[in-house]
């Protein structure tokens, strides 16, 4: 489901657990985006360019694999993992600069 316009209107009639899960996912993603925007050094634009031909499923699989294989980074926000950590790991670099 792609949520457009009113999140409230699109989730009306759903059972409470499903509705709450959609809100959690949406709001968590929004907060993540705002955190990334506040520290953005061009990473967001680069990320959008890098994943131009990827699906949402590809990104979800990439995130799950990263978190499964790197338990020490499970608390890293998804925005930082997708825009900083995973590209660095793909290049054979350490997850974070200077570490």
C-alpha atoms as a PDB file:
ATOM      1  CA  UNK A   1       0.000   0.000   0.000  1.00  0.00           C
ATOM      2  CA  UNK A   2       1.365   3.402  -0.951  1.00  0.00           C
ATOM      3  CA  UNK A   3       0.044   6.051   1.378  1.00  0.00           C
ATOM      4  CA  UNK A   4      -0.839   9.330  -0.228  1.00  0.00           C
ATOM      5  CA  UNK A   5      -2.843  12.273   1.000  1.00  0.00           C
ATOM      6  CA  UNK A   6      -4.438  11.543   4.349  1.00  0.00           C
ATOM      7  CA  UNK A   7      -2.892   8.724   6.351  1.00  0.00           C
ATOM      8  CA  UNK A   8      -5.940   8.862   8.591  1.00  0.00           C
ATOM      9  CA  UNK A   9      -8.445   8.434   5.745  1.00  0.00           C
ATOM     10  CA  UNK A  10      -6.491   5.602   4.154  1.00  0.00           C
ATOM     11  CA  UNK A  11      -6.325   3.614   7.367  1.00  0.00           C
ATOM     12  CA  UNK A  12      -9.929   4.072   8.440  1.00  0.00           C
ATOM     13  CA  UNK A  13     -11.697   0.752   8.704  1.00  0.00           C
ATOM     14  CA  UNK A  14      -8.490  -1.232   9.286  1.00  0.00           C
ATOM     15  CA  UNK A  15      -8.145  -3.269  12.439  1.00  0.00           C
ATOM     16  CA  UNK A  16      -6.396  -1.359  15.225  1.00  0.00           C
ATOM     17  CA  UNK A  17      -3.133  -3.375  15.135  1.00  0.00           C
ATOM     18  CA  UNK A  18      -2.683  -2.929  11.374  1.00  0.00           C
ATOM     19  CA  UNK A  19      -3.559   0.742  11.552  1.00  0.00           C
ATOM     20  CA  UNK A  20      -1.084   1.309  14.367  1.00  0.00           C
ATOM     21  CA  UNK A  21       1.665  -0.580  12.496  1.00  0.00           C
ATOM     22  CA  UNK A  22       1.173   1.644   9.454  1.00  0.00           C
ATOM     23  CA  UNK A  23       1.366   4.747  11.622  1.00  0.00           C
ATOM     24  CA  UNK A  24       4.496   3.486  13.374  1.00  0.00           C
ATOM     25  CA  UNK A  25       6.207   2.744  10.057  1.00  0.00           C
ATOM     26  CA  UNK A  26       5.162   6.038   8.509  1.00  0.00           C
ATOM     27  CA  UNK A  27       6.098   8.218  11.476  1.00  0.00           C
ATOM     28  CA  UNK A  28       9.370   6.390  12.116  1.00  0.00           C
ATOM     29  CA  UNK A  29      10.290   6.879   8.468  1.00  0.00           C
ATOM     30  CA  UNK A  30       9.367  10.541   8.642  1.00  0.00           C
ATOM     31  CA  UNK A  31      11.482  11.106  11.750  1.00  0.00           C
ATOM     32  CA  UNK A  32      14.373   9.242  10.123  1.00  0.00           C
ATOM     33  CA  UNK A  33      14.081  11.463   7.045  1.00  0.00           C
ATOM     34  CA  UNK A  34      14.129  14.584   9.193  1.00  0.00           C
ATOM     35  CA  UNK A  35      17.222  13.358  11.046  1.00  0.00           C
ATOM     36  CA  UNK A  36      18.961  12.681   7.758  1.00  0.00           C
ATOM     37  CA  UNK A  37      17.954  16.069   6.363  1.00  0.00           C
ATOM     38  CA  UNK A  38      19.394  17.810   9.414  1.00  0.00           C
ATOM     39  CA  UNK A  39      22.826  16.259   8.840  1.00  0.00           C
ATOM     40  CA  UNK A  40      22.718  15.844   5.071  1.00  0.00           C
ATOM     41  CA  UNK A  41      25.967  16.426   3.240  1.00  0.00           C
ATOM     42  CA  UNK A  42      24.586  15.290  -0.106  1.00  0.00           C
ATOM     43  CA  UNK A  43      24.024  11.716   1.120  1.00  0.00           C
ATOM     44  CA  UNK A  44      20.283  11.834   0.453  1.00  0.00           C
ATOM     45  CA  UNK A  45      20.725  12.890  -3.170  1.00  0.00           C
ATOM     46  CA  UNK A  46      23.474  10.308  -3.680  1.00  0.00           C
ATOM     47  CA  UNK A  47      21.265   7.620  -2.140  1.00  0.00           C
ATOM     48  CA  UNK A  48      18.382   8.472  -4.476  1.00  0.00           C
ATOM     49  CA  UNK A  49      20.733   8.301  -7.456  1.00  0.00           C
ATOM     50  CA  UNK A  50      22.261   5.003  -6.290  1.00  0.00           C
ATOM     51  CA  UNK A  51      18.919   3.271  -5.795  1.00  0.00           C
ATOM     52  CA  UNK A  52      17.167   4.655  -8.869  1.00  0.00           C
ATOM     53  CA  UNK A  53      16.476   1.171 -10.256  1.00  0.00           C
ATOM     54  CA  UNK A  54      15.952  -0.622  -6.951  1.00  0.00           C
ATOM     55  CA  UNK A  55      12.593  -1.619  -5.541  1.00  0.00           C
ATOM     56  CA  UNK A  56      11.399  -1.039  -2.001  1.00  0.00           C
ATOM     57  CA  UNK A  57      11.773  -4.811  -1.531  1.00  0.00           C
ATOM     58  CA  UNK A  58      15.441  -4.583  -2.571  1.00  0.00           C
ATOM     59  CA  UNK A  59      16.041  -1.893   0.040  1.00  0.00           C
ATOM     60  CA  UNK A  60      14.216  -3.836   2.745  1.00  0.00           C
ATOM     61  CA  UNK A  61      16.229  -6.992   1.939  1.00  0.00           C
ATOM     62  CA  UNK A  62      19.464  -4.983   2.023  1.00  0.00           C
ATOM     63  CA  UNK A  63      18.598  -3.501   5.423  1.00  0.00           C
ATOM     64  CA  UNK A  64      17.607  -6.842   6.958  1.00  0.00           C
ATOM     65  CA  UNK A  65      20.777  -8.504   5.662  1.00  0.00           C
ATOM     66  CA  UNK A  66      22.931  -5.687   7.028  1.00  0.00           C
ATOM     67  CA  UNK A  67      21.295  -5.818  10.474  1.00  0.00           C
ATOM     68  CA  UNK A  68      21.458  -9.657  10.568  1.00  0.00           C
ATOM     69  CA  UNK A  69      25.146  -9.722   9.656  1.00  0.00           C
ATOM     70  CA  UNK A  70      26.222  -6.760  11.799  1.00  0.00           C
ATOM     71  CA  UNK A  71      24.608  -7.042  15.207  1.00  0.00           C
ATOM     72  CA  UNK A  72      26.827  -4.284  16.596  1.00  0.00           C
ATOM     73  CA  UNK A  73      25.020  -1.819  14.302  1.00  0.00           C
ATOM     74  CA  UNK A  74      21.426  -2.849  14.957  1.00  0.00           C
ATOM     75  CA  UNK A  75      20.714   0.438  16.744  1.00  0.00           C
ATOM     76  CA  UNK A  76      21.901   2.560  13.807  1.00  0.00           C
ATOM     77  CA  UNK A  77      18.943   4.392  12.265  1.00  0.00           C
ATOM     78  CA  UNK A  78      17.753   3.074   8.889  1.00  0.00           C
ATOM     79  CA  UNK A  79      18.500   6.405   7.193  1.00  0.00           C
ATOM     80  CA  UNK A  80      22.125   6.349   8.317  1.00  0.00           C
ATOM     81  CA  UNK A  81      22.509   2.643   7.548  1.00  0.00           C
ATOM     82  CA  UNK A  82      21.142   3.036   4.011  1.00  0.00           C
ATOM     83  CA  UNK A  83      22.969   6.246   3.128  1.00  0.00           C
ATOM     84  CA  UNK A  84      26.277   5.884   4.978  1.00  0.00           C
ATOM     85  CA  UNK A  85      27.021   2.410   6.303  1.00  0.00           C
ATOM     86  CA  UNK A  86      25.885   0.087   3.497  1.00  0.00           C
ATOM     87  CA  UNK A  87      27.586   2.096   0.698  1.00  0.00           C
ATOM     88  CA  UNK A  88      30.823   2.094   2.729  1.00  0.00           C
ATOM     89  CA  UNK A  89      30.628  -1.649   3.358  1.00  0.00           C
ATOM     90  CA  UNK A  90      30.017  -2.263  -0.364  1.00  0.00           C
ATOM     91  CA  UNK A  91      33.281  -0.423  -1.073  1.00  0.00           C
ATOM     92  CA  UNK A  92      35.165  -2.533   1.500  1.00  0.00           C
ATOM     93  CA  UNK A  93      35.455   0.366   3.952  1.00  0.00           C
ATOM     94  CA  UNK A  94      34.703   0.452   7.652  1.00  0.00           C
ATOM     95  CA  UNK A  95      31.047   1.133   8.504  1.00  0.00           C
ATOM     96  CA  UNK A  96      31.756   4.662   9.704  1.00  0.00           C
ATOM     97  CA  UNK A  97      34.496   7.087   8.702  1.00  0.00           C
ATOM     98  CA  UNK A  98      37.314   7.201  11.230  1.00  0.00           C
ATOM     99  CA  UNK A  99      36.514   3.807  12.812  1.00  0.00           C
END
